PDB file of N, CA and C in Angstrom:
ATOM      1  N   UNK A   1       0.830  -1.186   0.000  1.00  0.00           N
ATOM      2  CA  UNK A   1       0.000   0.000   0.000  1.00  0.00           C
ATOM      3  C   UNK A   1       0.880   1.257   0.000  1.00  0.00           C
ATOM      4  N   UNK A   2       1.882   1.264   0.866  1.00  0.00           N
ATOM      5  CA  UNK A   2       2.804   2.406   0.919  1.00  0.00           C
ATOM      6  C   UNK A   2       3.574   2.498  -0.383  1.00  0.00           C
ATOM      7  N   UNK A   3       3.965   1.324  -0.907  1.00  0.00           N
ATOM      8  CA  UNK A   3       4.708   1.321  -2.168  1.00  0.00           C
ATOM      9  C   UNK A   3       3.892   1.954  -3.287  1.00  0.00           C
ATOM     10  N   UNK A   4       2.613   1.606  -3.330  1.00  0.00           N
ATOM     11  CA  UNK A   4       1.745   2.166  -4.371  1.00  0.00           C
ATOM     12  C   UNK A   4       1.627   3.685  -4.235  1.00  0.00           C
ATOM     13  N   UNK A   5       1.499   4.158  -3.013  1.00  0.00           N
ATOM     14  CA  UNK A   5       1.407   5.599  -2.788  1.00  0.00           C
ATOM     15  C   UNK A   5       2.706   6.288  -3.212  1.00  0.00           C
ATOM     16  N   UNK A   6       3.839   5.662  -2.898  1.00  0.00           N
ATOM     17  CA  UNK A   6       5.124   6.240  -3.293  1.00  0.00           C
ATOM     18  C   UNK A   6       5.269   6.276  -4.811  1.00  0.00           C
ATOM     19  N   UNK A   7       4.831   5.226  -5.468  1.00  0.00           N
ATOM     20  CA  UNK A   7       4.920   5.187  -6.936  1.00  0.00           C
ATOM     21  C   UNK A   7       4.059   6.298  -7.536  1.00  0.00           C
ATOM     22  N   UNK A   8       2.863   6.477  -7.003  1.00  0.00           N
ATOM     23  CA  UNK A   8       1.968   7.536  -7.495  1.00  0.00           C
ATOM     24  C   UNK A   8       2.607   8.902  -7.286  1.00  0.00           C
ATOM     25  N   UNK A   9       3.168   9.129  -6.096  1.00  0.00           N
ATOM     26  CA  UNK A   9       3.806  10.425  -5.809  1.00  0.00           C
ATOM     27  C   UNK A   9       5.003  10.652  -6.721  1.00  0.00           C
ATOM     28  N   UNK A  10       5.780   9.601  -6.961  1.00  0.00           N
ATOM     29  CA  UNK A  10       6.951   9.742  -7.824  1.00  0.00           C
ATOM     30  C   UNK A  10       6.525  10.060  -9.259  1.00  0.00           C
ATOM     31  N   UNK A  11       5.472   9.420  -9.718  1.00  0.00           N
ATOM     32  CA  UNK A  11       4.972   9.724 -11.070  1.00  0.00           C
ATOM     33  C   UNK A  11       4.481  11.160 -11.151  1.00  0.00           C
ATOM     34  N   UNK A  12       3.820  11.613 -10.101  1.00  0.00           N
ATOM     35  CA  UNK A  12       3.357  13.005 -10.068  1.00  0.00           C
ATOM     36  C   UNK A  12       4.545  13.954 -10.129  1.00  0.00           C
ATOM     37  N   UNK A  13       5.587  13.631  -9.341  1.00  0.00           N
ATOM     38  CA  UNK A  13       6.788  14.475  -9.362  1.00  0.00           C
ATOM     39  C   UNK A  13       7.460  14.448 -10.733  1.00  0.00           C
ATOM     40  N   UNK A  14       7.519  13.261 -11.347  1.00  0.00           N
ATOM     41  CA  UNK A  14       8.103  13.168 -12.688  1.00  0.00           C
ATOM     42  C   UNK A  14       7.305  14.010 -13.678  1.00  0.00           C
ATOM     43  N   UNK A  15       5.969  13.976 -13.540  1.00  0.00           N
ATOM     44  CA  UNK A  15       5.119  14.796 -14.409  1.00  0.00           C
ATOM     45  C   UNK A  15       5.400  16.276 -14.222  1.00  0.00           C
ATOM     46  N   UNK A  16       5.544  16.693 -12.961  1.00  0.00           N
ATOM     47  CA  UNK A  16       5.863  18.096 -12.685  1.00  0.00           C
ATOM     48  C   UNK A  16       7.245  18.456 -13.234  1.00  0.00           C
ATOM     49  N   UNK A  17       8.161  17.520 -13.105  1.00  0.00           N
ATOM     50  CA  UNK A  17       9.513  17.765 -13.594  1.00  0.00           C
ATOM     51  C   UNK A  17       9.514  17.935 -15.117  1.00  0.00           C
ATOM     52  N   UNK A  18       8.747  17.085 -15.798  1.00  0.00           N
ATOM     53  CA  UNK A  18       8.672  17.184 -17.263  1.00  0.00           C
ATOM     54  C   UNK A  18       7.983  18.476 -17.684  1.00  0.00           C
ATOM     55  N   UNK A  19       6.913  18.827 -16.977  1.00  0.00           N
ATOM     56  CA  UNK A  19       6.227  20.075 -17.343  1.00  0.00           C
ATOM     57  C   UNK A  19       7.128  21.271 -17.049  1.00  0.00           C
ATOM     58  N   UNK A  20       7.925  21.159 -16.012  1.00  0.00           N
ATOM     59  CA  UNK A  20       8.880  22.222 -15.690  1.00  0.00           C
ATOM     60  C   UNK A  20       9.939  22.318 -16.785  1.00  0.00           C
ATOM     61  N   UNK A  21      10.394  21.173 -17.286  1.00  0.00           N
ATOM     62  CA  UNK A  21      11.395  21.182 -18.357  1.00  0.00           C
ATOM     63  C   UNK A  21      10.811  21.773 -19.634  1.00  0.00           C
ATOM     64  N   UNK A  22       9.542  21.454 -19.922  1.00  0.00           N
ATOM     65  CA  UNK A  22       8.896  22.008 -21.112  1.00  0.00           C
ATOM     66  C   UNK A  22       8.682  23.515 -20.973  1.00  0.00           C
ATOM     67  N   UNK A  23       8.291  23.928 -19.783  1.00  0.00           N
ATOM     68  CA  UNK A  23       8.037  25.363 -19.596  1.00  0.00           C
ATOM     69  C   UNK A  23       9.342  26.150 -19.511  1.00  0.00           C
ATOM     70  N   UNK A  24      10.422  25.472 -19.152  1.00  0.00           N
ATOM     71  CA  UNK A  24      11.692  26.200 -19.053  1.00  0.00           C
ATOM     72  C   UNK A  24      12.213  26.614 -20.424  1.00  0.00           C
ATOM     73  N   UNK A  25      11.792  25.897 -21.462  1.00  0.00           N
ATOM     74  CA  UNK A  25      12.229  26.313 -22.796  1.00  0.00           C
ATOM     75  C   UNK A  25      11.517  27.603 -23.202  1.00  0.00           C
ATOM     76  N   UNK A  26      10.250  27.717 -22.829  1.00  0.00           N
ATOM     77  CA  UNK A  26       9.503  28.929 -23.175  1.00  0.00           C
ATOM     78  C   UNK A  26       9.850  30.056 -22.212  1.00  0.00           C
ATOM     79  N   UNK A  27       9.847  29.731 -20.945  1.00  0.00           N
ATOM     80  CA  UNK A  27      10.182  30.725 -19.909  1.00  0.00           C
ATOM     81  C   UNK A  27      11.282  30.131 -19.055  1.00  0.00           C
ATOM     82  N   UNK A  28      12.106  30.950 -18.523  1.00  0.00           N
ATOM     83  CA  UNK A  28      13.150  30.461 -17.635  1.00  0.00           C
ATOM     84  C   UNK A  28      12.514  30.131 -16.279  1.00  0.00           C
ATOM     85  N   UNK A  29      12.357  28.818 -15.979  1.00  0.00           N
ATOM     86  CA  UNK A  29      11.793  28.386 -14.695  1.00  0.00           C
ATOM     87  C   UNK A  29      12.885  28.473 -13.629  1.00  0.00           C
ATOM     88  N   UNK A  30      12.491  28.692 -12.412  1.00  0.00           N
ATOM     89  CA  UNK A  30      13.501  28.777 -11.344  1.00  0.00           C
ATOM     90  C   UNK A  30      14.238  27.449 -11.179  1.00  0.00           C
ATOM     91  N   UNK A  31      15.551  27.522 -11.133  1.00  0.00           N
ATOM     92  CA  UNK A  31      16.359  26.317 -10.992  1.00  0.00           C
ATOM     93  C   UNK A  31      16.147  25.684  -9.627  1.00  0.00           C
ATOM     94  N   UNK A  32      15.831  26.508  -8.636  1.00  0.00           N
ATOM     95  CA  UNK A  32      15.608  25.996  -7.285  1.00  0.00           C
ATOM     96  C   UNK A  32      14.469  24.984  -7.272  1.00  0.00           C
ATOM     97  N   UNK A  33      13.407  25.287  -8.003  1.00  0.00           N
ATOM     98  CA  UNK A  33      12.262  24.383  -8.072  1.00  0.00           C
ATOM     99  C   UNK A  33      12.653  23.075  -8.747  1.00  0.00           C
ATOM    100  N   UNK A  34      13.447  23.167  -9.778  1.00  0.00           N
ATOM    101  CA  UNK A  34      13.904  21.967 -10.483  1.00  0.00           C
ATOM    102  C   UNK A  34      14.783  21.110  -9.578  1.00  0.00           C
ATOM    103  N   UNK A  35      15.672  21.751  -8.821  1.00  0.00           N
ATOM    104  CA  UNK A  35      16.547  21.010  -7.900  1.00  0.00           C
ATOM    105  C   UNK A  35      15.736  20.348  -6.790  1.00  0.00           C
ATOM    106  N   UNK A  36      14.762  21.060  -6.278  1.00  0.00           N
ATOM    107  CA  UNK A  36      13.924  20.494  -5.213  1.00  0.00           C
ATOM    108  C   UNK A  36      13.118  19.310  -5.728  1.00  0.00           C
ATOM    109  N   UNK A  37      12.643  19.407  -6.947  1.00  0.00           N
ATOM    110  CA  UNK A  37      11.904  18.293  -7.541  1.00  0.00           C
ATOM    111  C   UNK A  37      12.815  17.081  -7.690  1.00  0.00           C
ATOM    112  N   UNK A  38      14.045  17.298  -8.141  1.00  0.00           N
ATOM    113  CA  UNK A  38      15.008  16.210  -8.277  1.00  0.00           C
ATOM    114  C   UNK A  38      15.317  15.592  -6.921  1.00  0.00           C
ATOM    115  N   UNK A  39      15.499  16.430  -5.904  1.00  0.00           N
ATOM    116  CA  UNK A  39      15.763  15.927  -4.559  1.00  0.00           C
ATOM    117  C   UNK A  39      14.589  15.097  -4.046  1.00  0.00           C
ATOM    118  N   UNK A  40      13.382  15.565  -4.311  1.00  0.00           N
ATOM    119  CA  UNK A  40      12.200  14.826  -3.875  1.00  0.00           C
ATOM    120  C   UNK A  40      12.122  13.465  -4.561  1.00  0.00           C
ATOM    121  N   UNK A  41      12.419  13.424  -5.843  1.00  0.00           N
ATOM    122  CA  UNK A  41      12.416  12.148  -6.558  1.00  0.00           C
ATOM    123  C   UNK A  41      13.454  11.191  -5.979  1.00  0.00           C
ATOM    124  N   UNK A  42      14.619  11.710  -5.657  1.00  0.00           N
ATOM    125  CA  UNK A  42      15.665  10.874  -5.059  1.00  0.00           C
ATOM    126  C   UNK A  42      15.233  10.359  -3.694  1.00  0.00           C
ATOM    127  N   UNK A  43      14.588  11.207  -2.902  1.00  0.00           N
ATOM    128  CA  UNK A  43      14.111  10.791  -1.584  1.00  0.00           C
ATOM    129  C   UNK A  43      13.027   9.722  -1.710  1.00  0.00           C
ATOM    130  N   UNK A  44      12.151   9.892  -2.680  1.00  0.00           N
ATOM    131  CA  UNK A  44      11.088   8.901  -2.904  1.00  0.00           C
ATOM    132  C   UNK A  44      11.708   7.562  -3.283  1.00  0.00           C
ATOM    133  N   UNK A  45      12.706   7.567  -4.150  1.00  0.00           N
ATOM    134  CA  UNK A  45      13.362   6.320  -4.540  1.00  0.00           C
ATOM    135  C   UNK A  45      14.078   5.682  -3.361  1.00  0.00           C
ATOM    136  N   UNK A  46      14.674   6.505  -2.510  1.00  0.00           N
ATOM    137  CA  UNK A  46      15.324   6.001  -1.307  1.00  0.00           C
ATOM    138  C   UNK A  46      14.299   5.345  -0.376  1.00  0.00           C
ATOM    139  N   UNK A  47      13.159   5.988  -0.226  1.00  0.00           N
ATOM    140  CA  UNK A  47      12.098   5.432   0.617  1.00  0.00           C
ATOM    141  C   UNK A  47      11.572   4.133   0.021  1.00  0.00           C
ATOM    142  N   UNK A  48      11.441   4.080  -1.300  1.00  0.00           N
ATOM    143  CA  UNK A  48      11.005   2.844  -1.951  1.00  0.00           C
ATOM    144  C   UNK A  48      11.972   1.706  -1.644  1.00  0.00           C
ATOM    145  N   UNK A  49      13.267   2.003  -1.690  1.00  0.00           N
ATOM    146  CA  UNK A  49      14.269   0.978  -1.366  1.00  0.00           C
ATOM    147  C   UNK A  49      14.156   0.539   0.090  1.00  0.00           C
ATOM    148  N   UNK A  50      13.937   1.501   0.985  1.00  0.00           N
ATOM    149  CA  UNK A  50      13.786   1.163   2.400  1.00  0.00           C
ATOM    150  C   UNK A  50      12.554   0.298   2.634  1.00  0.00           C
ATOM    151  N   UNK A  51      11.451   0.633   1.968  1.00  0.00           N
ATOM    152  CA  UNK A  51      10.219  -0.148   2.100  1.00  0.00           C
ATOM    153  C   UNK A  51      10.447  -1.569   1.583  1.00  0.00           C
ATOM    154  N   UNK A  52      11.146  -1.711   0.469  1.00  0.00           N
ATOM    155  CA  UNK A  52      11.434  -3.043  -0.081  1.00  0.00           C
ATOM    156  C   UNK A  52      12.285  -3.852   0.895  1.00  0.00           C
ATOM    157  N   UNK A  53      13.274  -3.181   1.503  1.00  0.00           N
ATOM    158  CA  UNK A  53      14.136  -3.864   2.486  1.00  0.00           C
ATOM    159  C   UNK A  53      13.317  -4.284   3.709  1.00  0.00           C
ATOM    160  N   UNK A  54      12.465  -3.398   4.191  1.00  0.00           N
ATOM    161  CA  UNK A  54      11.621  -3.726   5.338  1.00  0.00           C
ATOM    162  C   UNK A  54      10.673  -4.877   5.023  1.00  0.00           C
ATOM    163  N   UNK A  55      10.151  -4.875   3.812  1.00  0.00           N
ATOM    164  CA  UNK A  55       9.238  -5.939   3.400  1.00  0.00           C
ATOM    165  C   UNK A  55       9.955  -7.287   3.442  1.00  0.00           C
ATOM    166  N   UNK A  56      11.187  -7.326   2.943  1.00  0.00           N
ATOM    167  CA  UNK A  56      11.980  -8.556   2.964  1.00  0.00           C
ATOM    168  C   UNK A  56      12.264  -8.984   4.395  1.00  0.00           C
ATOM    169  N   UNK A  57      12.645  -8.031   5.235  1.00  0.00           N
ATOM    170  CA  UNK A  57      12.935  -8.337   6.642  1.00  0.00           C
ATOM    171  C   UNK A  57      11.698  -8.857   7.354  1.00  0.00           C
ATOM    172  N   UNK A  58      10.573  -8.217   7.117  1.00  0.00           N
ATOM    173  CA  UNK A  58       9.341  -8.634   7.774  1.00  0.00           C
ATOM    174  C   UNK A  58       8.917 -10.020   7.313  1.00  0.00           C
ATOM    175  N   UNK A  59       9.149 -10.350   6.053  1.00  0.00           N
ATOM    176  CA  UNK A  59       8.821 -11.686   5.549  1.00  0.00           C
ATOM    177  C   UNK A  59       9.665 -12.727   6.271  1.00  0.00           C
ATOM    178  N   UNK A  60      10.933 -12.427   6.451  1.00  0.00           N
ATOM    179  CA  UNK A  60      11.826 -13.337   7.155  1.00  0.00           C
ATOM    180  C   UNK A  60      11.375 -13.520   8.611  1.00  0.00           C
ATOM    181  N   UNK A  61      11.017 -12.426   9.247  1.00  0.00           N
ATOM    182  CA  UNK A  61      10.547 -12.495  10.635  1.00  0.00           C
ATOM    183  C   UNK A  61       9.259 -13.295  10.728  1.00  0.00           C
ATOM    184  N   UNK A  62       8.367 -13.105   9.789  1.00  0.00           N
ATOM    185  CA  UNK A  62       7.108 -13.853   9.768  1.00  0.00           C
ATOM    186  C   UNK A  62       7.364 -15.353   9.642  1.00  0.00           C
ATOM    187  N   UNK A  63       8.292 -15.732   8.777  1.00  0.00           N
ATOM    188  CA  UNK A  63       8.635 -17.143   8.624  1.00  0.00           C
ATOM    189  C   UNK A  63       9.213 -17.710   9.918  1.00  0.00           C
ATOM    190  N   UNK A  64      10.053 -16.930  10.598  1.00  0.00           N
ATOM    191  CA  UNK A  64      10.629 -17.384  11.863  1.00  0.00           C
ATOM    192  C   UNK A  64       9.548 -17.556  12.929  1.00  0.00           C
ATOM    193  N   UNK A  65       8.573 -16.663  12.956  1.00  0.00           N
ATOM    194  CA  UNK A  65       7.472 -16.781  13.910  1.00  0.00           C
ATOM    195  C   UNK A  65       6.638 -18.023  13.630  1.00  0.00           C
ATOM    196  N   UNK A  66       6.429 -18.345  12.352  1.00  0.00           N
ATOM    197  CA  UNK A  66       5.680 -19.552  12.011  1.00  0.00           C
ATOM    198  C   UNK A  66       6.393 -20.787  12.534  1.00  0.00           C
ATOM    199  N   UNK A  67       7.721 -20.830  12.348  1.00  0.00           N
ATOM    200  CA  UNK A  67       8.514 -21.954  12.860  1.00  0.00           C
ATOM    201  C   UNK A  67       8.400 -22.008  14.385  1.00  0.00           C
ATOM    202  N   UNK A  68       8.507 -20.858  15.026  1.00  0.00           N
ATOM    203  CA  UNK A  68       8.388 -20.800  16.488  1.00  0.00           C
ATOM    204  C   UNK A  68       7.027 -21.331  16.938  1.00  0.00           C
ATOM    205  N   UNK A  69       5.950 -20.900  16.286  1.00  0.00           N
ATOM    206  CA  UNK A  69       4.611 -21.358  16.651  1.00  0.00           C
ATOM    207  C   UNK A  69       4.479 -22.869  16.505  1.00  0.00           C
ATOM    208  N   UNK A  70       5.024 -23.425  15.433  1.00  0.00           N
ATOM    209  CA  UNK A  70       4.957 -24.869  15.231  1.00  0.00           C
ATOM    210  C   UNK A  70       5.710 -25.608  16.330  1.00  0.00           C
ATOM    211  N   UNK A  71       6.913 -25.151  16.642  1.00  0.00           N
ATOM    212  CA  UNK A  71       7.718 -25.806  17.682  1.00  0.00           C
ATOM    213  C   UNK A  71       7.056 -25.643  19.042  1.00  0.00           C
ATOM    214  N   UNK A  72       6.501 -24.469  19.317  1.00  0.00           N
ATOM    215  CA  UNK A  72       5.824 -24.226  20.590  1.00  0.00           C
ATOM    216  C   UNK A  72       4.634 -25.169  20.752  1.00  0.00           C
ATOM    217  N   UNK A  73       3.859 -25.362  19.706  1.00  0.00           N
ATOM    218  CA  UNK A  73       2.714 -26.265  19.766  1.00  0.00           C
ATOM    219  C   UNK A  73       3.181 -27.694  20.026  1.00  0.00           C
ATOM    220  N   UNK A  74       4.261 -28.094  19.372  1.00  0.00           N
ATOM    221  CA  UNK A  74       4.794 -29.442  19.569  1.00  0.00           C
ATOM    222  C   UNK A  74       5.292 -29.633  21.007  1.00  0.00           C
ATOM    223  N   UNK A  75       6.028 -28.660  21.524  1.00  0.00           N
ATOM    224  CA  UNK A  75       6.532 -28.742  22.901  1.00  0.00           C
ATOM    225  C   UNK A  75       5.366 -28.747  23.887  1.00  0.00           C
ATOM    226  N   UNK A  76       4.361 -27.952  23.625  1.00  0.00           N
ATOM    227  CA  UNK A  76       3.191 -27.892  24.492  1.00  0.00           C
ATOM    228  C   UNK A  76       2.489 -29.248  24.540  1.00  0.00           C
ATOM    229  N   UNK A  77       2.358 -29.902  23.393  1.00  0.00           N
ATOM    230  CA  UNK A  77       1.737 -31.216  23.326  1.00  0.00           C
ATOM    231  C   UNK A  77       2.574 -32.251  24.068  1.00  0.00           C
ATOM    232  N   UNK A  78       3.880 -32.212  23.869  1.00  0.00           N
ATOM    233  CA  UNK A  78       4.762 -33.155  24.559  1.00  0.00           C
ATOM    234  C   UNK A  78       4.697 -32.954  26.066  1.00  0.00           C
ATOM    235  N   UNK A  79       4.635 -31.717  26.506  1.00  0.00           N
ATOM    236  CA  UNK A  79       4.540 -31.430  27.937  1.00  0.00           C
ATOM    237  C   UNK A  79       3.248 -32.008  28.519  1.00  0.00           C
ATOM    238  N   UNK A  80       2.161 -31.862  27.793  1.00  0.00           N
ATOM    239  CA  UNK A  80       0.891 -32.414  28.260  1.00  0.00           C
ATOM    240  C   UNK A  80       0.964 -33.941  28.333  1.00  0.00           C
ATOM    241  N   UNK A  81       1.583 -34.573  27.341  1.00  0.00           N
ATOM    242  CA  UNK A  81       1.719 -36.038  27.355  1.00  0.00           C
ATOM    243  C   UNK A  81       2.569 -36.503  28.533  1.00  0.00           C
ATOM    244  N   UNK A  82       3.699 -35.829  28.757  1.00  0.00           N
ATOM    245  CA  UNK A  82       4.574 -36.219  29.866  1.00  0.00           C
ATOM    246  C   UNK A  82       3.893 -35.990  31.205  1.00  0.00           C
ATOM    247  N   UNK A  83       3.163 -34.922  31.310  1.00  0.00           N
ATOM    248  CA  UNK A  83       2.434 -34.653  32.548  1.00  0.00           C
ATOM    249  C   UNK A  83       1.412 -35.760  32.816  1.00  0.00           C
ATOM    250  N   UNK A  84       0.709 -36.186  31.767  1.00  0.00           N
ATOM    251  CA  UNK A  84      -0.262 -37.272  31.905  1.00  0.00           C
ATOM    252  C   UNK A  84       0.433 -38.568  32.332  1.00  0.00           C
ATOM    253  N   UNK A  85       1.573 -38.875  31.679  1.00  0.00           N
ATOM    254  CA  UNK A  85       2.318 -40.093  32.019  1.00  0.00           C
ATOM    255  C   UNK A  85       2.793 -40.070  33.466  1.00  0.00           C
ATOM    256  N   UNK A  86       3.286 -38.936  33.903  1.00  0.00           N
ATOM    257  CA  UNK A  86       3.763 -38.813  35.285  1.00  0.00           C
ATOM    258  C   UNK A  86       2.606 -39.022  36.256  1.00  0.00           C
ATOM    259  N   UNK A  87       1.463 -38.449  35.941  1.00  0.00           N
ATOM    260  CA  UNK A  87       0.293 -38.638  36.807  1.00  0.00           C
ATOM    261  C   UNK A  87      -0.121 -40.105  36.851  1.00  0.00           C
ATOM    262  N   UNK A  88      -0.022 -40.811  35.739  1.00  0.00           N
ATOM    263  CA  UNK A  88      -0.424 -42.219  35.691  1.00  0.00           C
ATOM    264  C   UNK A  88       0.592 -43.141  36.351  1.00  0.00           C
ATOM    265  N   UNK A  89       1.850 -42.751  36.357  1.00  0.00           N
ATOM    266  CA  UNK A  89       2.906 -43.613  36.884  1.00  0.00           C
ATOM    267  C   UNK A  89       3.158 -43.435  38.379  1.00  0.00           C
ATOM    268  N   UNK A  90       2.538 -42.491  39.006  1.00  0.00           N
ATOM    269  CA  UNK A  90       2.752 -42.270  40.441  1.00  0.00           C
ATOM    270  C   UNK A  90       2.195 -43.458  41.219  1.00  0.00           C
ATOM    271  N   UNK A  91       2.950 -43.851  42.217  1.00  0.00           N
ATOM    272  CA  UNK A  91       2.462 -44.909  43.095  1.00  0.00           C
ATOM    273  C   UNK A  91       1.412 -44.310  44.017  1.00  0.00           C
ATOM    274  N   UNK A  92       0.387 -45.067  44.281  1.00  0.00           N
ATOM    275  CA  UNK A  92      -0.625 -44.535  45.187  1.00  0.00           C
ATOM    276  C   UNK A  92      -0.047 -44.408  46.603  1.00  0.00           C
ATOM    277  N   UNK A  93      -0.441 -43.398  47.296  1.00  0.00           N
ATOM    278  CA  UNK A  93       0.012 -43.177  48.663  1.00  0.00           C
ATOM    279  C   UNK A  93      -0.770 -44.130  49.566  1.00  0.00           C
ATOM    280  N   UNK A  94      -0.015 -44.905  50.336  1.00  0.00           N
ATOM    281  CA  UNK A  94      -0.635 -45.895  51.216  1.00  0.00           C
ATOM    282  C   UNK A  94      -0.374 -45.482  52.664  1.00  0.00           C
ATOM    283  N   UNK A  95      -1.365 -45.648  53.471  1.00  0.00           N
ATOM    284  CA  UNK A  95      -1.211 -45.272  54.879  1.00  0.00           C
ATOM    285  C   UNK A  95      -0.377 -46.319  55.624  1.00  0.00           C
ATOM    286  N   UNK A  96       0.113 -45.938  56.771  1.00  0.00           N
ATOM    287  CA  UNK A  96       0.928 -46.823  57.601  1.00  0.00           C
ATOM    288  C   UNK A  96       0.124 -48.043  58.040  1.00  0.00           C
ATOM    289  N   UNK A  97      -1.127 -47.815  58.366  1.00  0.00           N
ATOM    290  CA  UNK A  97      -1.977 -48.936  58.800  1.00  0.00           C
ATOM    291  C   UNK A  97      -2.160 -49.957  57.684  1.00  0.00           C
ATOM    292  N   UNK A  98      -2.348 -49.474  56.483  1.00  0.00           N
ATOM    293  CA  UNK A  98      -2.529 -50.380  55.358  1.00  0.00           C
ATOM    294  C   UNK A  98      -1.271 -51.194  55.116  1.00  0.00           C
ATOM    295  N   UNK A  99      -0.095 -50.583  55.247  1.00  0.00           N
ATOM    296  CA  UNK A  99       1.162 -51.297  55.072  1.00  0.00           C
ATOM    297  C   UNK A  99       1.347 -52.349  56.171  1.00  0.00           C
ATOM    298  N   UNK A 100       1.049 -51.998  57.421  1.00  0.00           N
ATOM    299  CA  UNK A 100       1.171 -52.958  58.536  1.00  0.00           C
ATOM    300  C   UNK A 100       0.237 -54.144  58.316  1.00  0.00           C
ATOM    301  N   UNK A 101      -0.961 -53.868  57.830  1.00  0.00           N
ATOM    302  CA  UNK A 101      -1.924 -54.932  57.561  1.00  0.00           C
ATOM    303  C   UNK A 101      -1.407 -55.837  56.457  1.00  0.00           C
ATOM    304  N   UNK A 102      -0.807 -55.275  55.450  1.00  0.00           N
ATOM    305  CA  UNK A 102      -0.270 -56.070  54.347  1.00  0.00           C
ATOM    306  C   UNK A 102       0.908 -56.927  54.812  1.00  0.00           C
ATOM    307  N   UNK A 103       1.760 -56.360  55.691  1.00  0.00           N
ATOM    308  CA  UNK A 103       2.883 -57.119  56.232  1.00  0.00           C
ATOM    309  C   UNK A 103       2.367 -58.305  57.039  1.00  0.00           C
ATOM    310  N   UNK A 104       1.352 -58.102  57.878  1.00  0.00           N
ATOM    311  CA  UNK A 104       0.780 -59.183  58.681  1.00  0.00           C
ATOM    312  C   UNK A 104       0.206 -60.266  57.787  1.00  0.00           C
ATOM    313  N   UNK A 105      -0.448 -59.838  56.714  1.00  0.00           N
ATOM    314  CA  UNK A 105      -1.029 -60.802  55.782  1.00  0.00           C
ATOM    315  C   UNK A 105       0.057 -61.622  55.107  1.00  0.00           C
ATOM    316  N   UNK A 106       1.140 -61.008  54.741  1.00  0.00           N
ATOM    317  CA  UNK A 106       2.228 -61.712  54.085  1.00  0.00           C
ATOM    318  C   UNK A 106       2.959 -62.654  55.045  1.00  0.00           C
ATOM    319  N   UNK A 107       2.985 -62.330  56.348  1.00  0.00           N
ATOM    320  CA  UNK A 107       3.669 -63.194  57.324  1.00  0.00           C
ATOM    321  C   UNK A 107       2.803 -64.403  57.555  1.00  0.00           C
TER     322      UNK A 107
END
């Protein structure tokens, strides 16, 4: 979206620059205006390059987040499985009386 706006602005500036060049043949247009237009075009191109670089960086970051989300989901699932296994593998707590009764029965 920003790229499209920059392209439109740059085309507008190019149009102004061309009309300025055409009018300068008939009338001497101020050079300051021509220089400022050129500077603006250069700044727009610089911003376009920055936006392209940011877009690439953001794509890379997005891919890394997707990998992180996948690994996080996998670790979360494994944690739930291990927690369930630990709960199932615990020995039941037996009271002292129950143990004494079992010892007497075994004797």
